[in-house]
């Protein structure tokens, strides 16, 4: 049976992207670091970026020109893991007293973002290959009679990989890539 609906966000993972330019041709090759879990995912919302533009000729829409610029959206989680601050946002951890330090000169890195949505039959796993995250806002609220957990949200901009223009992939339960999906970033074979 094939899925008819999707629900349930889980198994959010990420890996830092390294983009290397060939010294002769300038061609860029993307490679991925160790895949790490991002626990506590609450909500992922991604909107398509780009547009379809009609080209008119002969008094009709002669052609539709599509532009796929990836996605923009948000990932809400219980808490953002410390490793995101240090390995993705470029912040440093003071070895002496354990402070995680944010500086104006920190350099952010792209990540691959992987996740799984449950379905009425089997789960489907997604990989977004080139994601830039924004630093989260700092918020808090007093605890009242009923404790309500506070969440943290990052904005995500997903753009095509510079080496092959791939934006995302997904694997259904019966796909070969499904089993090892969160072990290594599943890179498509051209």
N, C-alpha and C. Protein backbone atom coordinates (compact mmCIF):
# COMPACT_ATOMS: atom_id res chain seq x y z
N UNK A 1 0.83 -1.19 0.00
CA UNK A 1 0.00 0.00 0.00
C UNK A 1 0.88 1.24 0.00
N UNK A 2 0.55 2.25 -0.78
CA UNK A 2 1.29 3.50 -0.83
C UNK A 2 0.68 4.49 0.16
N UNK A 3 1.52 5.42 0.63
CA UNK A 3 1.04 6.44 1.55
C UNK A 3 -0.03 7.31 0.90
N UNK A 4 -1.01 7.68 1.70
CA UNK A 4 -2.03 8.63 1.26
C UNK A 4 -1.90 9.94 2.01
N UNK A 5 -1.33 9.89 3.22
CA UNK A 5 -1.15 11.09 4.04
C UNK A 5 0.21 11.03 4.72
N UNK A 6 0.66 12.20 5.18
CA UNK A 6 1.89 12.24 5.97
C UNK A 6 1.63 12.97 7.27
N UNK A 7 2.32 12.55 8.31
CA UNK A 7 2.19 13.15 9.63
C UNK A 7 3.41 12.73 10.42
N UNK A 8 3.72 13.42 11.47
CA UNK A 8 4.81 13.02 12.35
C UNK A 8 6.18 13.35 11.81
N UNK A 9 6.84 14.30 12.43
CA UNK A 9 8.21 14.69 12.09
C UNK A 9 9.14 14.04 13.10
N UNK A 10 10.16 13.35 12.60
CA UNK A 10 11.16 12.77 13.49
C UNK A 10 12.45 12.49 12.73
N UNK A 11 13.44 12.01 13.46
CA UNK A 11 14.74 11.67 12.87
C UNK A 11 15.37 12.82 12.12
N UNK A 12 15.38 14.01 12.73
CA UNK A 12 16.09 15.13 12.10
C UNK A 12 17.58 14.93 12.35
N UNK A 13 18.35 15.01 11.28
CA UNK A 13 19.81 14.87 11.32
C UNK A 13 20.42 15.96 10.46
N UNK A 14 21.71 16.19 10.65
CA UNK A 14 22.41 17.19 9.83
C UNK A 14 23.87 16.78 9.67
N UNK A 15 24.50 17.33 8.66
CA UNK A 15 25.93 17.15 8.43
C UNK A 15 26.47 18.43 7.83
N UNK A 16 27.64 18.85 8.28
CA UNK A 16 28.27 20.06 7.76
C UNK A 16 28.75 19.82 6.34
N UNK A 17 28.53 20.81 5.48
CA UNK A 17 28.93 20.74 4.08
C UNK A 17 30.29 21.43 3.91
N UNK A 18 31.15 20.80 3.13
CA UNK A 18 32.40 21.43 2.70
C UNK A 18 32.35 21.56 1.19
N UNK A 19 32.54 22.78 0.69
CA UNK A 19 32.55 23.03 -0.75
C UNK A 19 33.97 23.36 -1.16
N UNK A 20 34.51 22.53 -2.05
CA UNK A 20 35.89 22.68 -2.50
C UNK A 20 35.92 23.05 -3.98
N UNK A 21 36.64 24.12 -4.29
CA UNK A 21 36.76 24.57 -5.69
C UNK A 21 38.02 23.98 -6.31
N UNK A 22 37.87 23.43 -7.52
CA UNK A 22 39.01 22.90 -8.28
C UNK A 22 39.89 24.08 -8.68
N UNK A 23 41.19 23.98 -8.41
CA UNK A 23 42.11 25.11 -8.66
C UNK A 23 42.27 25.41 -10.15
N UNK A 24 42.01 24.46 -11.01
CA UNK A 24 42.15 24.67 -12.45
C UNK A 24 40.86 25.16 -13.09
N UNK A 25 39.77 24.46 -12.81
CA UNK A 25 38.51 24.77 -13.49
C UNK A 25 37.58 25.67 -12.68
N UNK A 26 37.76 25.71 -11.38
CA UNK A 26 36.87 26.46 -10.51
C UNK A 26 35.61 25.70 -10.16
N UNK A 27 35.45 24.48 -10.72
CA UNK A 27 34.26 23.67 -10.42
C UNK A 27 34.22 23.33 -8.93
N UNK A 28 33.04 23.41 -8.36
CA UNK A 28 32.87 23.16 -6.93
C UNK A 28 32.36 21.75 -6.69
N UNK A 29 32.94 21.10 -5.70
CA UNK A 29 32.52 19.77 -5.27
C UNK A 29 32.07 19.85 -3.82
N UNK A 30 30.87 19.34 -3.54
CA UNK A 30 30.34 19.32 -2.18
C UNK A 30 30.65 17.98 -1.53
N UNK A 31 31.09 18.04 -0.28
CA UNK A 31 31.28 16.83 0.51
C UNK A 31 30.66 17.07 1.89
N UNK A 32 30.41 15.99 2.61
CA UNK A 32 29.65 16.09 3.85
C UNK A 32 30.39 15.43 5.00
N UNK A 33 30.30 16.08 6.16
CA UNK A 33 30.91 15.56 7.37
C UNK A 33 30.05 14.49 8.01
N UNK A 34 30.34 14.20 9.24
CA UNK A 34 29.63 13.18 10.01
C UNK A 34 28.17 13.57 10.21
N UNK A 35 27.28 12.63 9.99
CA UNK A 35 25.85 12.86 10.21
C UNK A 35 25.59 12.80 11.72
N UNK A 36 24.90 13.83 12.24
CA UNK A 36 24.60 13.91 13.66
C UNK A 36 23.10 14.11 13.86
N UNK A 37 22.59 13.59 14.95
CA UNK A 37 21.17 13.73 15.27
C UNK A 37 20.89 15.14 15.79
N UNK A 38 19.70 15.65 15.47
CA UNK A 38 19.19 16.91 16.01
C UNK A 38 17.91 16.54 16.75
N UNK A 39 18.02 16.19 18.04
CA UNK A 39 16.85 15.72 18.78
C UNK A 39 15.87 16.84 19.10
N UNK A 40 14.62 16.47 19.35
CA UNK A 40 13.62 17.41 19.82
C UNK A 40 12.90 18.19 18.75
N UNK A 41 12.86 17.68 17.52
CA UNK A 41 12.17 18.40 16.44
C UNK A 41 10.68 18.53 16.74
N UNK A 42 10.15 19.73 16.55
CA UNK A 42 8.74 20.01 16.80
C UNK A 42 8.00 20.26 15.50
N UNK A 43 8.58 21.08 14.62
CA UNK A 43 7.88 21.47 13.40
C UNK A 43 8.90 21.88 12.33
N UNK A 44 8.67 21.47 11.10
CA UNK A 44 9.48 21.88 9.96
C UNK A 44 8.53 22.42 8.91
N UNK A 45 8.74 23.65 8.49
CA UNK A 45 7.92 24.28 7.46
C UNK A 45 8.84 24.85 6.40
N UNK A 46 8.70 24.38 5.17
CA UNK A 46 9.53 24.86 4.06
C UNK A 46 8.64 25.28 2.90
N UNK A 47 8.82 26.49 2.42
CA UNK A 47 8.09 27.00 1.27
C UNK A 47 9.01 27.04 0.07
N UNK A 48 8.49 26.67 -1.09
CA UNK A 48 9.28 26.69 -2.32
C UNK A 48 9.70 28.12 -2.64
N UNK A 49 10.96 28.28 -3.06
CA UNK A 49 11.49 29.57 -3.49
C UNK A 49 11.72 29.51 -4.99
N UNK A 50 11.39 30.57 -5.69
CA UNK A 50 11.47 30.60 -7.15
C UNK A 50 10.08 30.85 -7.68
N UNK A 51 9.96 30.89 -8.98
CA UNK A 51 8.65 31.17 -9.55
C UNK A 51 8.55 30.65 -10.97
N UNK A 52 7.32 30.55 -11.43
CA UNK A 52 7.02 30.22 -12.82
C UNK A 52 6.62 31.52 -13.52
N UNK A 53 7.33 31.86 -14.58
CA UNK A 53 7.08 33.10 -15.30
C UNK A 53 6.59 32.78 -16.70
N UNK A 54 5.40 33.28 -17.05
CA UNK A 54 4.91 33.02 -18.41
C UNK A 54 5.63 33.89 -19.44
N UNK A 55 5.91 33.30 -20.59
CA UNK A 55 6.46 34.03 -21.74
C UNK A 55 5.37 34.04 -22.81
N UNK A 56 4.98 35.24 -23.21
CA UNK A 56 3.88 35.39 -24.17
C UNK A 56 4.41 35.57 -25.58
N UNK A 57 3.79 34.88 -26.50
CA UNK A 57 4.04 35.04 -27.94
C UNK A 57 2.80 34.52 -28.67
N UNK A 58 2.56 35.03 -29.85
CA UNK A 58 1.39 34.62 -30.64
C UNK A 58 0.09 34.74 -29.85
N UNK A 59 0.03 35.76 -28.98
CA UNK A 59 -1.16 36.05 -28.17
C UNK A 59 -1.53 34.93 -27.19
N UNK A 60 -0.57 34.09 -26.80
CA UNK A 60 -0.81 33.03 -25.83
C UNK A 60 0.41 32.91 -24.91
N UNK A 61 0.24 32.12 -23.85
CA UNK A 61 1.41 31.75 -23.04
C UNK A 61 2.18 30.74 -23.86
N UNK A 62 3.25 31.20 -24.48
CA UNK A 62 4.03 30.41 -25.42
C UNK A 62 4.92 29.40 -24.70
N UNK A 63 5.42 29.82 -23.52
CA UNK A 63 6.26 28.95 -22.71
C UNK A 63 6.17 29.40 -21.26
N UNK A 64 6.37 28.47 -20.35
CA UNK A 64 6.41 28.78 -18.93
C UNK A 64 7.84 28.55 -18.46
N UNK A 65 8.49 29.60 -17.99
CA UNK A 65 9.88 29.53 -17.55
C UNK A 65 9.88 29.33 -16.03
N UNK A 66 10.46 28.23 -15.59
CA UNK A 66 10.50 27.90 -14.16
C UNK A 66 11.85 28.22 -13.56
N UNK A 67 11.83 28.69 -12.32
CA UNK A 67 13.05 29.00 -11.58
C UNK A 67 12.95 28.32 -10.23
N UNK A 68 13.79 27.31 -9.98
CA UNK A 68 13.81 26.61 -8.70
C UNK A 68 14.98 27.14 -7.89
N UNK A 69 14.69 27.95 -6.90
CA UNK A 69 15.72 28.53 -6.04
C UNK A 69 15.80 27.82 -4.69
N UNK A 70 15.15 26.67 -4.57
CA UNK A 70 15.20 25.90 -3.33
C UNK A 70 13.99 26.14 -2.46
N UNK A 71 14.23 26.37 -1.16
CA UNK A 71 13.16 26.53 -0.19
C UNK A 71 13.61 27.55 0.87
N UNK A 72 12.63 28.13 1.54
CA UNK A 72 12.88 28.92 2.74
C UNK A 72 11.86 28.49 3.78
N UNK A 73 12.24 28.55 5.04
CA UNK A 73 11.30 28.15 6.07
C UNK A 73 11.91 28.15 7.45
N UNK A 74 11.34 27.32 8.33
CA UNK A 74 11.78 27.28 9.71
C UNK A 74 11.83 25.84 10.23
N UNK A 75 12.70 25.64 11.19
CA UNK A 75 12.75 24.39 11.95
C UNK A 75 12.63 24.78 13.42
N UNK A 76 11.59 24.26 14.05
CA UNK A 76 11.36 24.51 15.47
C UNK A 76 11.74 23.26 16.23
N UNK A 77 12.50 23.43 17.31
CA UNK A 77 12.89 22.28 18.12
C UNK A 77 12.86 22.64 19.60
N UNK A 78 12.89 21.62 20.43
CA UNK A 78 12.85 21.82 21.88
C UNK A 78 14.02 22.73 22.29
N UNK A 79 15.22 22.31 22.00
CA UNK A 79 16.43 23.11 22.20
C UNK A 79 17.35 22.86 21.03
N UNK A 80 18.07 23.86 20.63
CA UNK A 80 19.05 23.68 19.55
C UNK A 80 20.29 23.06 20.17
N UNK A 81 20.78 21.95 19.62
CA UNK A 81 21.96 21.29 20.19
C UNK A 81 23.18 22.20 20.21
N UNK A 82 24.00 22.06 21.25
CA UNK A 82 25.21 22.88 21.37
C UNK A 82 26.10 22.74 20.14
N UNK A 83 26.15 21.56 19.56
CA UNK A 83 27.01 21.35 18.39
C UNK A 83 26.60 22.23 17.21
N UNK A 84 25.32 22.58 17.10
CA UNK A 84 24.89 23.50 16.04
C UNK A 84 25.57 24.85 16.25
N UNK A 85 25.62 25.31 17.50
CA UNK A 85 26.26 26.59 17.80
C UNK A 85 27.74 26.57 17.46
N UNK A 86 28.42 25.46 17.77
CA UNK A 86 29.86 25.43 17.58
C UNK A 86 30.28 25.00 16.17
N UNK A 87 29.68 23.95 15.61
CA UNK A 87 30.14 23.47 14.31
C UNK A 87 29.44 24.11 13.13
N UNK A 88 28.24 24.68 13.34
CA UNK A 88 27.49 25.28 12.23
C UNK A 88 27.53 26.81 12.30
N UNK A 89 27.24 27.38 13.47
CA UNK A 89 27.27 28.83 13.62
C UNK A 89 28.67 29.37 13.83
N UNK A 90 29.66 28.49 14.04
CA UNK A 90 31.05 28.91 14.17
C UNK A 90 31.41 29.51 15.52
N UNK A 91 30.58 29.30 16.53
CA UNK A 91 30.89 29.82 17.85
C UNK A 91 31.92 28.92 18.53
N UNK A 92 32.56 29.41 19.55
CA UNK A 92 33.62 28.64 20.21
C UNK A 92 33.21 28.29 21.64
N UNK A 93 33.76 27.18 22.12
CA UNK A 93 33.51 26.77 23.51
C UNK A 93 34.81 26.95 24.28
N UNK A 94 34.74 27.71 25.34
CA UNK A 94 35.89 27.97 26.21
C UNK A 94 36.19 26.70 26.99
N UNK A 95 37.37 26.14 26.77
CA UNK A 95 37.75 24.88 27.41
C UNK A 95 37.89 25.01 28.92
N UNK A 96 38.19 26.19 29.42
CA UNK A 96 38.41 26.38 30.85
C UNK A 96 37.12 26.35 31.65
N UNK A 97 36.11 27.11 31.19
CA UNK A 97 34.90 27.19 32.01
C UNK A 97 33.62 26.79 31.28
N UNK A 98 33.73 26.29 30.05
CA UNK A 98 32.57 25.74 29.35
C UNK A 98 31.64 26.74 28.70
N UNK A 99 32.02 28.01 28.65
CA UNK A 99 31.18 29.01 28.00
C UNK A 99 31.17 28.79 26.49
N UNK A 100 29.99 28.88 25.87
CA UNK A 100 29.90 28.91 24.41
C UNK A 100 29.82 30.38 24.04
N UNK A 101 30.78 30.82 23.23
CA UNK A 101 30.98 32.25 22.97
C UNK A 101 30.61 32.59 21.54
N UNK A 102 29.72 33.58 21.41
CA UNK A 102 29.31 34.10 20.10
C UNK A 102 30.06 35.41 19.85
N UNK A 103 30.68 35.52 18.68
CA UNK A 103 31.38 36.74 18.30
C UNK A 103 30.82 37.25 16.97
N UNK A 104 30.99 38.53 16.72
CA UNK A 104 30.49 39.10 15.47
C UNK A 104 31.25 38.57 14.27
N UNK A 105 32.42 38.00 14.47
CA UNK A 105 33.24 37.48 13.37
C UNK A 105 33.03 35.99 13.11
N UNK A 106 32.09 35.34 13.83
CA UNK A 106 31.82 33.92 13.61
C UNK A 106 31.40 33.68 12.17
N UNK A 107 31.88 32.58 11.58
CA UNK A 107 31.54 32.22 10.21
C UNK A 107 30.65 30.99 10.20
N UNK A 108 29.45 31.14 9.62
CA UNK A 108 28.51 30.03 9.55
C UNK A 108 28.86 29.09 8.41
N UNK A 109 28.38 27.85 8.53
CA UNK A 109 28.61 26.83 7.51
C UNK A 109 27.28 26.30 7.00
N UNK A 110 27.30 25.83 5.76
CA UNK A 110 26.14 25.14 5.20
C UNK A 110 26.04 23.75 5.83
N UNK A 111 24.81 23.25 5.87
CA UNK A 111 24.59 21.87 6.32
C UNK A 111 23.67 21.16 5.33
N UNK A 112 23.74 19.84 5.36
CA UNK A 112 22.69 19.01 4.77
C UNK A 112 21.72 18.72 5.91
N UNK A 113 20.44 18.81 5.64
CA UNK A 113 19.42 18.56 6.65
C UNK A 113 18.59 17.37 6.20
N UNK A 114 18.49 16.36 7.06
CA UNK A 114 17.75 15.14 6.75
C UNK A 114 16.65 14.96 7.78
N UNK A 115 15.52 14.41 7.33
CA UNK A 115 14.41 14.20 8.23
C UNK A 115 13.52 13.07 7.73
N UNK A 116 12.57 12.71 8.56
CA UNK A 116 11.63 11.64 8.22
C UNK A 116 10.22 12.09 8.59
N UNK A 117 9.29 11.87 7.68
CA UNK A 117 7.87 12.08 7.96
C UNK A 117 7.20 10.72 7.96
N UNK A 118 6.38 10.49 8.96
CA UNK A 118 5.60 9.27 9.01
C UNK A 118 4.46 9.37 8.01
N UNK A 119 4.00 8.23 7.53
CA UNK A 119 2.85 8.18 6.65
C UNK A 119 1.85 7.17 7.18
N UNK A 120 0.73 7.07 6.54
CA UNK A 120 -0.26 6.10 6.99
C UNK A 120 0.20 4.67 6.72
N UNK A 121 1.18 4.49 5.83
CA UNK A 121 1.71 3.16 5.54
C UNK A 121 3.16 3.04 5.99
N UNK A 122 4.06 3.79 5.37
CA UNK A 122 5.49 3.72 5.68
C UNK A 122 6.07 5.13 5.74
N UNK A 123 7.19 5.32 6.45
CA UNK A 123 7.81 6.64 6.49
C UNK A 123 8.53 6.99 5.19
N UNK A 124 8.74 8.28 4.97
CA UNK A 124 9.51 8.79 3.84
C UNK A 124 10.61 9.68 4.40
N UNK A 125 11.82 9.51 3.89
CA UNK A 125 12.97 10.27 4.37
C UNK A 125 13.42 11.28 3.32
N UNK A 126 13.73 12.49 3.79
CA UNK A 126 14.12 13.60 2.92
C UNK A 126 15.52 14.08 3.24
N UNK A 127 16.24 14.54 2.22
CA UNK A 127 17.52 15.19 2.41
C UNK A 127 17.54 16.49 1.62
N UNK A 128 17.86 17.58 2.30
CA UNK A 128 18.06 18.89 1.69
C UNK A 128 19.56 19.16 1.76
N UNK A 129 20.20 19.36 0.62
CA UNK A 129 21.66 19.26 0.52
C UNK A 129 22.46 20.50 0.87
N UNK A 130 21.86 21.69 0.81
CA UNK A 130 22.64 22.91 1.05
C UNK A 130 21.77 23.92 1.80
N UNK A 131 21.86 23.89 3.11
CA UNK A 131 21.01 24.70 3.97
C UNK A 131 21.84 25.68 4.78
N UNK A 132 21.38 26.91 4.85
CA UNK A 132 21.99 27.91 5.72
C UNK A 132 20.98 28.24 6.80
N UNK A 133 21.43 28.23 8.05
CA UNK A 133 20.56 28.51 9.19
C UNK A 133 20.83 29.91 9.73
N UNK A 134 19.80 30.55 10.25
CA UNK A 134 20.01 31.80 10.97
C UNK A 134 20.15 31.49 12.45
N UNK A 135 20.83 32.37 13.15
CA UNK A 135 20.90 32.23 14.60
C UNK A 135 19.50 32.40 15.17
N UNK A 136 19.15 31.64 16.20
CA UNK A 136 17.80 31.76 16.77
C UNK A 136 17.68 33.01 17.64
N UNK A 137 16.44 33.45 17.79
CA UNK A 137 16.17 34.52 18.75
C UNK A 137 16.32 33.93 20.16
N UNK A 138 16.59 34.78 21.12
CA UNK A 138 16.69 34.35 22.51
C UNK A 138 15.40 34.79 23.19
N UNK A 139 14.62 33.83 23.66
CA UNK A 139 13.34 34.13 24.31
C UNK A 139 13.19 33.27 25.55
N UNK A 140 12.31 33.69 26.42
CA UNK A 140 11.99 32.93 27.61
C UNK A 140 10.72 33.49 28.21
N UNK A 141 10.07 32.72 29.05
CA UNK A 141 8.84 33.17 29.70
C UNK A 141 8.79 32.57 31.10
N UNK A 142 8.14 33.28 31.98
CA UNK A 142 8.02 32.79 33.34
C UNK A 142 7.13 31.54 33.39
N UNK A 143 7.41 30.68 34.34
CA UNK A 143 6.60 29.47 34.52
C UNK A 143 5.37 29.85 35.33
N UNK A 144 4.21 29.47 34.81
CA UNK A 144 2.96 29.76 35.50
C UNK A 144 2.46 28.50 36.18
N UNK A 145 1.15 28.43 36.48
CA UNK A 145 0.58 27.27 37.17
C UNK A 145 0.83 25.98 36.39
N UNK A 146 0.80 26.09 35.07
CA UNK A 146 1.10 24.96 34.21
C UNK A 146 2.37 25.27 33.44
N UNK A 147 3.34 24.39 33.51
CA UNK A 147 4.60 24.62 32.80
C UNK A 147 4.41 24.35 31.32
N UNK A 148 4.73 25.34 30.49
CA UNK A 148 4.64 25.20 29.04
C UNK A 148 6.05 25.27 28.48
N UNK A 149 6.52 24.20 27.85
CA UNK A 149 7.88 24.23 27.31
C UNK A 149 8.05 25.33 26.26
N UNK A 150 9.19 25.99 26.29
CA UNK A 150 9.56 26.99 25.30
C UNK A 150 10.36 26.28 24.21
N UNK A 151 10.18 26.67 22.97
CA UNK A 151 10.92 26.07 21.87
C UNK A 151 11.86 27.10 21.26
N UNK A 152 12.76 26.63 20.41
CA UNK A 152 13.68 27.50 19.68
C UNK A 152 13.50 27.25 18.19
N UNK A 153 13.62 28.31 17.40
CA UNK A 153 13.37 28.21 15.97
C UNK A 153 14.53 28.83 15.19
N UNK A 154 14.95 28.13 14.15
CA UNK A 154 15.92 28.69 13.21
C UNK A 154 15.24 28.87 11.87
N UNK A 155 15.59 29.93 11.17
CA UNK A 155 15.15 30.11 9.79
C UNK A 155 16.13 29.34 8.90
N UNK A 156 15.61 28.76 7.84
CA UNK A 156 16.42 27.95 6.93
C UNK A 156 16.27 28.50 5.52
N UNK A 157 17.40 28.66 4.84
CA UNK A 157 17.40 28.95 3.41
C UNK A 157 18.10 27.80 2.72
N UNK A 158 17.38 27.12 1.83
CA UNK A 158 17.92 25.97 1.11
C UNK A 158 18.13 26.38 -0.34
N UNK A 159 19.35 26.24 -0.82
CA UNK A 159 19.68 26.61 -2.20
C UNK A 159 20.25 25.39 -2.93
N UNK A 160 20.24 25.41 -4.26
CA UNK A 160 20.80 24.29 -5.02
C UNK A 160 22.31 24.15 -4.77
N UNK A 161 22.79 22.92 -4.80
CA UNK A 161 24.24 22.69 -4.69
C UNK A 161 24.93 23.32 -5.89
N UNK A 162 26.07 23.97 -5.71
CA UNK A 162 26.74 24.60 -6.84
C UNK A 162 27.35 23.61 -7.83
N UNK A 163 27.60 22.38 -7.39
CA UNK A 163 28.25 21.42 -8.28
C UNK A 163 27.29 20.75 -9.25
N UNK A 164 26.00 20.55 -8.87
CA UNK A 164 25.10 19.83 -9.76
C UNK A 164 23.64 20.31 -9.69
N UNK A 165 23.40 21.41 -8.98
CA UNK A 165 22.09 22.04 -8.86
C UNK A 165 21.05 21.20 -8.12
N UNK A 166 21.46 20.15 -7.42
CA UNK A 166 20.53 19.32 -6.65
C UNK A 166 20.08 20.10 -5.42
N UNK A 167 18.77 20.09 -5.17
CA UNK A 167 18.20 20.77 -4.01
C UNK A 167 17.84 19.77 -2.92
N UNK A 168 17.11 18.72 -3.29
CA UNK A 168 16.68 17.73 -2.30
C UNK A 168 16.48 16.38 -2.96
N UNK A 169 16.36 15.37 -2.11
CA UNK A 169 15.97 14.03 -2.56
C UNK A 169 15.12 13.43 -1.46
N UNK A 170 14.41 12.37 -1.82
CA UNK A 170 13.71 11.62 -0.78
C UNK A 170 13.74 10.14 -1.14
N UNK A 171 13.56 9.33 -0.11
CA UNK A 171 13.54 7.87 -0.30
C UNK A 171 12.35 7.30 0.44
N UNK A 172 11.57 6.51 -0.26
CA UNK A 172 10.49 5.77 0.37
C UNK A 172 11.06 4.51 1.02
N UNK A 173 10.25 3.85 1.82
CA UNK A 173 10.67 2.71 2.62
C UNK A 173 11.33 1.60 1.80
N UNK A 174 10.90 1.39 0.58
CA UNK A 174 11.45 0.30 -0.23
C UNK A 174 12.64 0.71 -1.09
N UNK A 175 13.11 1.95 -1.01
CA UNK A 175 14.27 2.41 -1.80
C UNK A 175 15.57 1.88 -1.19
N UNK A 176 16.55 1.63 -2.04
CA UNK A 176 17.85 1.14 -1.58
C UNK A 176 18.50 2.10 -0.59
N UNK A 177 18.37 3.41 -0.82
CA UNK A 177 19.00 4.42 0.03
C UNK A 177 18.36 4.54 1.41
N UNK A 178 17.18 3.99 1.60
CA UNK A 178 16.42 4.19 2.83
C UNK A 178 17.16 3.69 4.07
N UNK A 179 17.70 2.50 4.02
CA UNK A 179 18.30 1.86 5.20
C UNK A 179 19.45 2.66 5.79
N UNK A 180 20.35 3.17 4.97
CA UNK A 180 21.51 3.90 5.48
C UNK A 180 21.35 5.41 5.45
N UNK A 181 20.12 5.88 5.35
CA UNK A 181 19.85 7.29 5.11
C UNK A 181 20.48 8.21 6.14
N UNK A 182 20.47 7.84 7.43
CA UNK A 182 21.00 8.70 8.47
C UNK A 182 22.41 8.31 8.90
N UNK A 183 23.05 7.41 8.14
CA UNK A 183 24.42 7.04 8.42
C UNK A 183 25.38 7.97 7.68
N UNK A 184 25.11 8.18 6.41
CA UNK A 184 25.87 9.12 5.57
C UNK A 184 24.86 9.92 4.75
N UNK A 185 25.24 11.13 4.34
CA UNK A 185 24.36 11.92 3.49
C UNK A 185 24.17 11.16 2.20
N UNK A 186 22.91 10.87 1.80
CA UNK A 186 22.65 10.08 0.60
C UNK A 186 22.86 10.91 -0.68
N UNK A 187 24.05 10.80 -1.24
CA UNK A 187 24.38 11.58 -2.44
C UNK A 187 23.92 10.82 -3.69
N UNK A 188 23.11 11.46 -4.54
CA UNK A 188 22.63 10.80 -5.75
C UNK A 188 23.76 10.49 -6.72
N UNK A 189 23.60 9.41 -7.45
CA UNK A 189 24.54 9.06 -8.51
C UNK A 189 24.00 9.58 -9.83
N UNK A 190 24.80 10.42 -10.55
CA UNK A 190 24.27 10.96 -11.81
C UNK A 190 24.05 9.87 -12.84
